[in-house]
Amino acid sequence: MPGTTITIVLPETELAALDRHRRDASPGLTREQALSEIVAAWAAAQPGAVRPPADEGMRPEQLNASNDM
């Protein structure tokens, strides 16, 4: 998925916490990937987070021979 590149400056304490998270929870990720995952999880947990509705197809009463494939 395309994204926007941003640059942030983290204090040593936050950088150490990020490295601990990488070591314990996501050992194969780069700092950038781990931080991206953390931000995505945070954003999804926020009230009002927009999630696309699941495609449930057509209702039985909408089905007929014209939409058979």
Protein backbone atom coordinates (compact mmCIF):
# COMPACT_ATOMS: atom_id res chain seq x y z
CA MET A 1 0.00 0.00 0.00
CA PRO A 2 1.46 3.38 -0.92
CA GLY A 3 2.06 5.76 1.92
CA THR A 4 3.61 9.03 2.87
CA THR A 5 7.13 9.22 4.22
CA ILE A 6 7.59 11.24 7.40
CA THR A 7 10.62 11.94 9.53
CA ILE A 8 10.35 11.96 13.32
CA VAL A 9 12.84 12.47 16.10
CA LEU A 10 12.51 10.14 19.07
CA PRO A 11 14.17 10.67 22.44
CA GLU A 12 16.54 7.89 23.51
CA THR A 13 13.98 6.47 25.99
CA GLU A 14 11.32 6.07 23.28
CA LEU A 15 13.83 4.64 20.82
CA ALA A 16 14.91 2.10 23.44
CA ALA A 17 11.25 1.15 24.00
CA LEU A 18 10.77 0.71 20.25
CA ASP A 19 13.84 -1.52 20.08
CA ARG A 20 12.55 -3.59 23.03
CA HIS A 21 9.23 -4.00 21.21
CA ARG A 22 11.05 -5.12 18.06
CA ARG A 23 13.12 -7.59 20.02
CA ASP A 24 10.18 -9.06 21.96
CA ALA A 25 7.20 -8.84 19.59
CA SER A 26 8.46 -8.30 16.05
CA PRO A 27 12.08 -9.48 15.73
CA GLY A 28 12.19 -9.41 11.92
CA LEU A 29 11.02 -5.83 11.46
CA THR A 30 13.01 -2.68 10.94
CA ARG A 31 12.41 0.27 13.24
CA GLU A 32 10.36 1.91 10.50
CA GLN A 33 8.19 -1.18 9.97
CA ALA A 34 7.64 -1.69 13.70
CA LEU A 35 6.67 1.95 14.21
CA SER A 36 4.31 1.77 11.23
CA GLU A 37 2.61 -1.32 12.73
CA ILE A 38 2.29 0.41 16.11
CA VAL A 39 0.69 3.51 14.55
CA ALA A 40 -1.68 1.40 12.41
CA ALA A 41 -2.83 -0.61 15.44
CA TRP A 42 -3.33 2.58 17.45
CA ALA A 43 -5.33 4.22 14.65
CA ALA A 44 -7.57 1.17 14.21
CA ALA A 45 -8.35 1.16 17.95
CA GLN A 46 -9.51 4.78 18.04
CA PRO A 47 -13.24 5.50 18.43
CA GLY A 48 -14.77 6.19 15.06
CA ALA A 49 -12.02 4.40 13.14
CA VAL A 50 -13.34 3.87 9.65
CA ARG A 51 -13.40 0.30 8.54
CA PRO A 52 -14.78 -0.65 5.15
CA PRO A 53 -17.95 -2.73 5.44
CA ALA A 54 -17.64 -6.39 4.59
CA ASP A 55 -19.04 -7.35 1.20
CA GLU A 56 -21.82 -9.78 2.05
CA GLY A 57 -23.09 -10.19 -1.49
CA MET A 58 -26.74 -10.03 -2.48
CA ARG A 59 -29.70 -10.78 -0.28
CA PRO A 60 -31.69 -13.91 -1.20
CA GLU A 61 -34.65 -11.82 -2.35
CA GLN A 62 -32.37 -10.01 -4.82
CA LEU A 63 -31.24 -13.20 -6.53
CA ASN A 64 -32.82 -14.20 -9.85
CA ALA A 65 -31.85 -15.73 -13.15
CA SER A 66 -30.61 -12.37 -14.52
CA ASN A 67 -27.75 -12.17 -12.02
CA ASP A 68 -26.59 -15.78 -12.28
CA MET A 69 -22.99 -16.16 -13.41
